[in-house]
Protein backbone atom coordinates (compact mmCIF):
# COMPACT_ATOMS: atom_id res chain seq x y z
CA MET A 1 -18.67 164.35 -58.90
CA SER A 2 -20.42 161.24 -58.94
CA LYS A 3 -22.88 160.26 -55.93
CA PHE A 4 -20.47 157.22 -55.19
CA LYS A 5 -17.63 159.51 -55.11
CA LYS A 6 -19.18 161.97 -52.82
CA ILE A 7 -20.00 159.28 -50.39
CA VAL A 8 -16.35 158.03 -50.17
CA LEU A 9 -15.29 161.38 -49.66
CA ALA A 10 -17.66 161.76 -46.92
CA ILE A 11 -16.40 158.65 -45.22
CA SER A 12 -12.82 159.65 -45.87
CA LEU A 13 -13.32 162.82 -44.11
CA SER A 14 -15.36 161.31 -41.44
CA GLY A 15 -12.53 158.96 -40.77
CA PHE A 16 -10.16 161.63 -40.63
CA SER A 17 -12.21 163.55 -38.19
CA ALA A 18 -12.40 160.43 -35.91
CA LEU A 19 -8.59 160.28 -35.89
CA SER A 20 -7.72 164.08 -35.35
CA TRP A 21 -10.28 164.11 -32.32
CA ALA A 22 -9.80 160.80 -30.70
CA ASP A 23 -11.68 159.71 -27.70
CA THR A 24 -8.66 159.00 -24.93
CA THR A 25 -10.12 157.77 -21.32
CA LEU A 26 -7.59 157.74 -18.28
CA LEU A 27 -8.24 156.20 -15.01
CA ASN A 28 -6.47 157.94 -11.86
CA VAL A 29 -6.49 155.74 -8.89
CA SER A 30 -6.07 158.08 -5.84
CA TYR A 31 -6.54 158.24 -2.19
CA ASP A 32 -9.86 159.56 -0.74
CA VAL A 33 -8.38 162.84 0.62
CA MET A 34 -7.58 163.91 -3.06
CA ARG A 35 -11.16 163.84 -4.37
CA ASP A 36 -11.61 167.81 -4.18
CA PHE A 37 -8.24 168.29 -5.80
CA TYR A 38 -8.65 166.36 -8.91
CA LYS A 39 -12.38 167.58 -9.33
CA ASP A 40 -10.58 170.73 -9.71
CA TYR A 41 -7.40 169.84 -11.48
CA ASN A 42 -8.86 167.76 -14.22
CA PRO A 43 -10.84 169.81 -16.32
CA VAL A 44 -7.99 172.23 -16.16
CA PHE A 45 -5.45 169.58 -17.64
CA GLN A 46 -8.37 168.43 -20.23
CA LYS A 47 -8.79 171.96 -21.45
CA TYR A 48 -4.94 172.20 -21.85
CA TYR A 49 -4.56 168.82 -23.53
CA GLU A 50 -7.47 168.97 -25.76
CA ALA A 51 -6.35 172.38 -27.38
CA LYS A 52 -2.96 171.10 -27.59
CA TYR A 53 -3.66 167.65 -29.00
CA LYS A 54 -7.21 168.02 -30.51
CA ASP A 55 -7.91 164.58 -28.63
CA LYS A 56 -10.90 164.28 -26.75
CA LEU A 57 -9.96 163.39 -23.02
CA THR A 58 -12.17 161.60 -20.43
CA ILE A 59 -10.51 161.28 -17.00
CA GLN A 60 -12.18 158.60 -14.58
CA GLN A 61 -11.23 158.57 -10.53
CA SER A 62 -11.37 156.09 -8.16
CA HIS A 63 -10.83 157.01 -4.58
CA GLY A 64 -10.14 155.10 -1.29
CA GLY A 65 -7.87 154.51 1.50
CA SER A 66 -4.36 154.71 0.06
CA SER A 67 -3.31 150.90 0.77
CA LYS A 68 -6.69 149.72 -0.23
CA GLN A 69 -6.44 151.68 -3.54
CA ALA A 70 -2.90 150.09 -3.96
CA ARG A 71 -4.34 146.68 -3.21
CA SER A 72 -6.89 147.25 -5.87
CA VAL A 73 -4.26 147.99 -8.32
CA ILE A 74 -2.24 145.05 -7.38
CA ASP A 75 -5.49 143.08 -7.92
CA GLY A 76 -6.27 144.14 -11.50
CA LEU A 77 -7.62 147.09 -11.39
CA GLU A 78 -6.27 148.96 -14.50
CA ALA A 79 -5.21 152.24 -13.26
CA ASP A 80 -3.48 154.55 -15.80
CA VAL A 81 -1.62 156.42 -13.38
CA VAL A 82 -1.75 156.11 -9.21
CA THR A 83 -1.36 159.35 -6.97
CA MET A 84 -1.05 158.22 -3.65
CA ASN A 85 0.21 159.67 -0.19
CA GLN A 86 3.26 157.59 0.65
CA SER A 87 5.60 156.11 -1.59
CA THR A 88 5.31 152.39 -0.21
CA ASP A 89 2.04 152.02 -1.59
CA ILE A 90 3.51 152.70 -4.93
CA ASP A 91 6.53 150.56 -4.18
CA ALA A 92 3.78 147.64 -3.12
CA ILE A 93 2.43 147.70 -7.11
CA VAL A 94 6.07 147.48 -8.24
CA GLU A 95 7.04 144.52 -6.06
CA LYS A 96 3.55 142.60 -5.76
CA GLY A 97 1.85 143.55 -8.78
CA ARG A 98 5.01 144.12 -11.18
CA GLN A 99 2.78 146.80 -12.67
CA ILE A 100 4.94 149.72 -12.25
CA ASN A 101 8.66 149.41 -13.29
CA PRO A 102 11.28 149.92 -10.41
CA GLY A 103 12.91 153.51 -10.53
CA TRP A 104 9.27 155.34 -10.77
CA GLU A 105 10.56 157.79 -8.45
CA LYS A 106 13.29 159.10 -10.52
CA LYS A 107 11.00 159.85 -13.47
CA TYR A 108 9.78 162.95 -12.06
CA ALA A 109 10.95 166.17 -10.15
CA ASP A 110 11.09 166.01 -6.42
CA GLU A 111 11.07 162.04 -6.04
CA ALA A 112 7.69 162.18 -7.99
CA ALA A 113 5.97 164.19 -5.47
CA PRO A 114 4.60 167.47 -6.81
CA PHE A 115 3.47 168.90 -3.50
CA SER A 116 3.23 167.97 0.09
CA SER A 117 0.97 168.41 3.01
CA MET A 118 1.25 167.65 7.00
CA GLN A 119 -1.38 166.49 9.60
CA VAL A 120 -3.17 169.26 11.55
CA LEU A 121 -5.77 168.85 14.47
CA ILE A 122 -9.29 169.86 13.70
CA VAL A 123 -11.38 170.55 16.68
CA ARG A 124 -15.14 171.50 17.19
CA LYS A 125 -16.18 175.32 16.90
CA GLY A 126 -14.95 176.89 20.09
CA ASN A 127 -12.32 174.23 20.86
CA PRO A 128 -14.34 173.13 23.87
CA LYS A 129 -11.72 170.69 25.05
CA GLY A 130 -8.97 173.28 24.94
CA ILE A 131 -6.70 171.22 22.38
CA LYS A 132 -3.46 173.05 21.40
CA ASP A 133 -0.98 170.28 20.95
CA TRP A 134 -0.42 166.58 20.40
CA ALA A 135 -0.16 166.41 24.51
CA ASP A 136 -3.61 167.16 24.37
CA LEU A 137 -4.58 163.96 22.61
CA ILE A 138 -3.73 161.85 25.41
CA LYS A 139 -6.36 163.52 27.98
CA PRO A 140 -8.71 161.11 29.34
CA ASN A 141 -11.77 162.91 28.46
CA VAL A 142 -10.67 163.51 24.79
CA GLN A 143 -11.99 161.24 21.58
CA VAL A 144 -9.42 161.07 18.62
CA VAL A 145 -10.67 160.53 14.99
CA VAL A 146 -8.32 158.95 13.16
CA PRO A 147 -8.11 156.41 10.07
CA ASN A 148 -6.82 153.15 10.23
CA PRO A 149 -2.94 152.93 9.82
CA LYS A 150 -3.22 149.27 8.26
CA THR A 151 -5.48 150.77 5.38
CA SER A 152 -4.76 154.22 5.13
CA GLY A 153 -1.69 156.36 4.74
CA ASN A 154 -3.25 159.08 6.25
CA GLY A 155 -3.61 157.14 9.37
CA ARG A 156 0.29 156.22 9.23
CA TYR A 157 1.47 159.93 9.21
CA THR A 158 -0.83 160.36 12.23
CA PHE A 159 0.72 157.61 13.87
CA LEU A 160 4.30 159.06 12.60
CA ALA A 161 3.51 162.47 13.29
CA ALA A 162 2.57 161.58 17.04
CA TRP A 163 5.43 159.22 17.45
CA GLY A 164 7.89 162.04 16.23
CA ALA A 165 6.44 164.66 18.28
CA ALA A 166 6.73 162.67 21.45
CA LEU A 167 10.34 161.74 20.24
CA LYS A 168 11.25 165.35 20.09
CA GLN A 169 9.44 166.07 23.41
CA ASN A 170 11.56 163.41 25.10
CA GLY A 171 15.07 163.73 24.00
CA GLY A 172 14.38 160.92 21.34
CA ASN A 173 13.66 158.20 23.83
CA GLU A 174 11.63 155.77 21.73
CA ALA A 175 10.33 154.03 24.93
CA LYS A 176 8.35 157.38 25.96
CA ALA A 177 7.24 157.74 22.34
CA ARG A 178 5.75 154.08 22.38
CA ASP A 179 3.90 154.99 25.44
CA PHE A 180 2.63 158.63 23.91
CA THR A 181 1.45 156.89 20.92
CA ARG A 182 -0.45 154.19 22.48
CA ALA A 183 -2.14 156.48 24.49
CA VAL A 184 -3.30 158.76 21.57
CA PHE A 185 -4.57 155.64 19.63
CA ALA A 186 -6.20 154.38 22.91
CA ASN A 187 -8.41 157.43 22.73
CA VAL A 188 -9.62 156.50 19.32
CA PRO A 189 -13.05 155.14 19.42
CA LEU A 190 -13.17 153.35 15.98
CA LEU A 191 -10.62 153.65 13.08
CA ASP A 192 -12.16 154.23 9.38
CA ALA A 193 -10.50 152.84 6.21
CA GLY A 194 -9.64 156.09 4.92
CA GLY A 195 -9.03 159.87 5.84
CA ARG A 196 -12.49 161.11 3.94
CA ALA A 197 -14.44 158.33 5.91
CA ALA A 198 -13.00 159.75 9.05
CA THR A 199 -13.74 163.21 8.29
CA THR A 200 -17.39 161.88 7.63
CA THR A 201 -17.30 160.09 11.39
CA PHE A 202 -16.16 163.79 12.97
CA MET A 203 -18.49 166.16 10.70
CA GLN A 204 -21.42 164.04 9.96
CA ARG A 205 -21.83 161.75 12.81
CA GLN A 206 -20.46 164.13 15.38
CA MET A 207 -18.28 161.89 16.85
CA GLY A 208 -14.92 162.58 18.60
CA ASP A 209 -13.31 165.70 19.78
CA VAL A 210 -10.33 166.15 17.50
CA LEU A 211 -9.93 164.65 14.01
CA VAL A 212 -6.18 164.16 12.83
CA THR A 213 -5.78 164.33 9.13
CA PHE A 214 -3.94 166.19 6.14
CA GLU A 215 -3.81 169.93 6.11
CA ASN A 216 -5.86 170.20 2.90
CA GLU A 217 -8.57 168.09 3.94
CA ALA A 218 -9.24 171.28 6.32
CA GLU A 219 -10.09 173.16 3.21
CA MET A 220 -12.58 170.45 1.88
CA ILE A 221 -14.55 170.66 5.34
CA ALA A 222 -14.57 174.40 4.74
CA ARG A 223 -16.00 174.28 1.43
CA GLU A 224 -18.59 171.50 2.36
CA PHE A 225 -19.64 172.11 5.96
CA GLY A 226 -18.89 175.83 6.09
CA ARG A 227 -15.91 177.40 7.90
CA GLY A 228 -17.61 178.46 11.19
CA ASN A 229 -18.32 175.02 12.17
CA PHE A 230 -14.72 173.59 13.24
CA GLU A 231 -11.36 175.38 13.87
CA VAL A 232 -7.67 174.24 12.61
CA ILE A 233 -5.28 174.14 15.00
CA TYR A 234 -1.40 173.76 13.92
CA PRO A 235 0.57 171.53 16.39
CA SER A 236 4.15 172.92 17.29
CA VAL A 237 5.71 170.31 15.34
CA SER A 238 4.30 167.94 12.60
CA ILE A 239 5.38 165.61 9.89
CA ASP A 240 6.25 166.59 5.98
CA ALA A 241 3.91 164.30 3.92
CA ASP A 242 5.22 164.06 0.33
CA LEU A 243 2.31 162.99 -2.07
CA PRO A 244 3.67 160.79 -4.96
CA VAL A 245 2.74 159.82 -8.19
CA ALA A 246 3.38 157.18 -10.65
CA LEU A 247 2.79 155.81 -14.15
CA VAL A 248 1.33 152.57 -14.25
CA ASP A 249 3.73 150.97 -16.57
CA LYS A 250 1.95 147.60 -17.87
CA VAL A 251 -1.58 149.51 -18.21
CA VAL A 252 -0.37 152.48 -20.21
CA ASP A 253 1.65 150.04 -22.58
CA LYS A 254 -1.19 147.87 -22.78
CA ARG A 255 -3.94 150.67 -23.54
CA GLY A 256 -1.51 152.77 -25.62
CA THR A 257 -2.22 155.73 -23.13
CA ARG A 258 1.77 156.33 -21.80
CA LYS A 259 1.82 159.61 -23.67
CA VAL A 260 -1.40 161.17 -22.18
CA ALA A 261 -0.74 159.57 -18.70
CA ASP A 262 2.79 161.07 -18.63
CA GLU A 263 1.78 164.49 -19.74
CA TYR A 264 -1.23 164.41 -17.20
CA LEU A 265 1.00 163.77 -14.01
CA ARG A 266 4.15 166.03 -15.47
CA TYR A 267 1.25 168.92 -15.57
CA LEU A 268 0.87 168.77 -11.67
CA TRP A 269 4.21 170.57 -11.73
CA SER A 270 3.26 173.23 -14.39
CA PRO A 271 2.36 176.70 -12.91
CA GLU A 272 -1.36 175.98 -13.60
CA GLY A 273 -1.31 172.67 -11.62
CA GLN A 274 0.47 174.47 -8.87
CA GLU A 275 -1.69 176.98 -8.62
CA VAL A 276 -4.61 174.08 -8.51
CA ALA A 277 -2.85 172.51 -5.58
CA ALA A 278 -2.37 175.56 -3.60
CA GLN A 279 -6.01 176.71 -4.13
CA ASN A 280 -6.71 172.99 -2.44
CA TYR A 281 -4.27 173.73 0.24
CA LEU A 282 -1.35 171.34 -0.82
CA ARG A 283 1.86 173.04 -0.19
CA PRO A 284 3.25 173.39 -3.82
CA ARG A 285 6.92 173.25 -5.15
CA ASN A 286 6.88 175.91 -7.48
CA ALA A 287 8.49 178.68 -5.52
CA ALA A 288 6.52 181.76 -7.17
CA VAL A 289 3.17 179.79 -6.44
CA ALA A 290 4.19 179.22 -2.81
CA ALA A 291 4.99 182.73 -2.06
CA LYS A 292 1.66 183.94 -3.66
CA TYR A 293 0.06 181.38 -0.92
CA ALA A 294 2.46 181.49 1.82
CA LYS A 295 -0.19 183.44 4.35
CA GLN A 296 -2.26 180.05 4.16
CA PHE A 297 0.52 177.93 5.03
CA PRO A 298 1.99 178.49 8.38
CA ALA A 299 5.48 177.89 8.80
CA ILE A 300 5.86 175.34 11.56
CA LYS A 301 8.46 172.89 12.37
CA LEU A 302 8.31 169.80 10.24
CA PHE A 303 10.13 166.53 10.33
CA GLY A 304 10.16 164.18 7.45
CA VAL A 305 10.06 160.13 7.11
CA ALA A 306 13.83 160.41 6.93
CA GLU A 307 14.06 160.63 10.36
CA PHE A 308 12.55 157.21 10.53
CA GLY A 309 15.17 156.01 7.76
CA GLY A 310 12.62 156.73 5.07
CA MET A 311 9.10 155.19 4.54
CA LYS A 312 10.28 151.54 3.67
CA ALA A 313 12.01 151.19 7.10
CA ALA A 314 9.11 153.49 8.80
CA GLN A 315 6.59 150.56 7.04
CA LYS A 316 8.69 147.88 8.22
CA LYS A 317 9.48 148.95 11.82
CA PHE A 318 5.72 150.36 12.60
CA PHE A 319 3.17 149.08 9.99
CA ASP A 320 4.24 145.49 8.75
CA ASP A 321 2.08 142.79 10.25
CA GLY A 322 3.32 142.19 13.71
CA ALA A 323 5.10 145.47 14.01
CA ILE A 324 4.88 148.27 16.72
CA TYR A 325 1.23 149.32 15.35
CA ASP A 326 -0.21 145.91 15.62
CA GLN A 327 1.60 145.14 19.17
CA ILE A 328 0.02 148.75 20.26
CA SER A 329 -3.30 147.68 18.89
CA ALA A 330 -3.18 144.45 20.76
CA GLU A 331 -1.98 146.00 24.19
CA ILE A 332 -4.87 148.59 24.12
CA ALA A 333 -7.67 145.73 23.22
CA LYS A 334 -6.38 144.12 26.13
CA LYS A 335 -6.67 146.73 28.53
CA ARG A 336 -10.64 147.62 27.26
């Protein structure tokens, strides 16, 4: 073979190698409390995907308050997938940004929520304020740490959990639920933008007596700060928080990443994905995985956003500009 033909063959083989081992990049825009889950999940998916397709895959992450993240996507951040903590943030990308096609929640099982969580109460070691349930959060000597419901799904779930618990304690009386929830937020010294920032305020800055956050955030706190530095209190009743995911259709079609992005999300429901979820204290959908980890998920009474007419109805009633949360905030500010 001539030297020229050898060079041509080498170039051809090099090109074949590049085509058979492409370099694909995905951007997952998520909320801040999910940092640890995706830190564990992404390598598991990469290993599976690269073995199956012989494609090199890089997964990039962006984290922040759920609603702030949705706004970033609407404003042009080119996410291939969004993994949020409430459906209304994804709906906002559908309606305001038009980057996600309507009907996204029907593309995957379980209304496109591969796992769920709930709100728990994190207290200081020894529980010095004796906090046992929602009613203890309105005591005059208790400071409550929670993220801002206007920027954080974590904060909205806390608001709805407190409101719903008060409804159940008072026979569905909305006036009493409003008074109770106002009293809880009157005990909040400051509002962080997202759940992870609230955790930093509570654990590093040592502000507050109780942190209200997702159940899976408690495991992150244990890993980072040690299991003996706090206690997890399960209230008598809490809210079931579904954590939805979606393809950003406009971006994946533009970048040619629909196939890998779709597989990335579908793998969340795989036994391997569900195992990683359970290890990060996210409540899995897979029955076998749920049974395996049953001891770490106490069976307490839960209610869903359906009791508020769904998340869209809850958003309109409580969190839209001028709605109940804004009214309560104004009332608290007036008294301070």
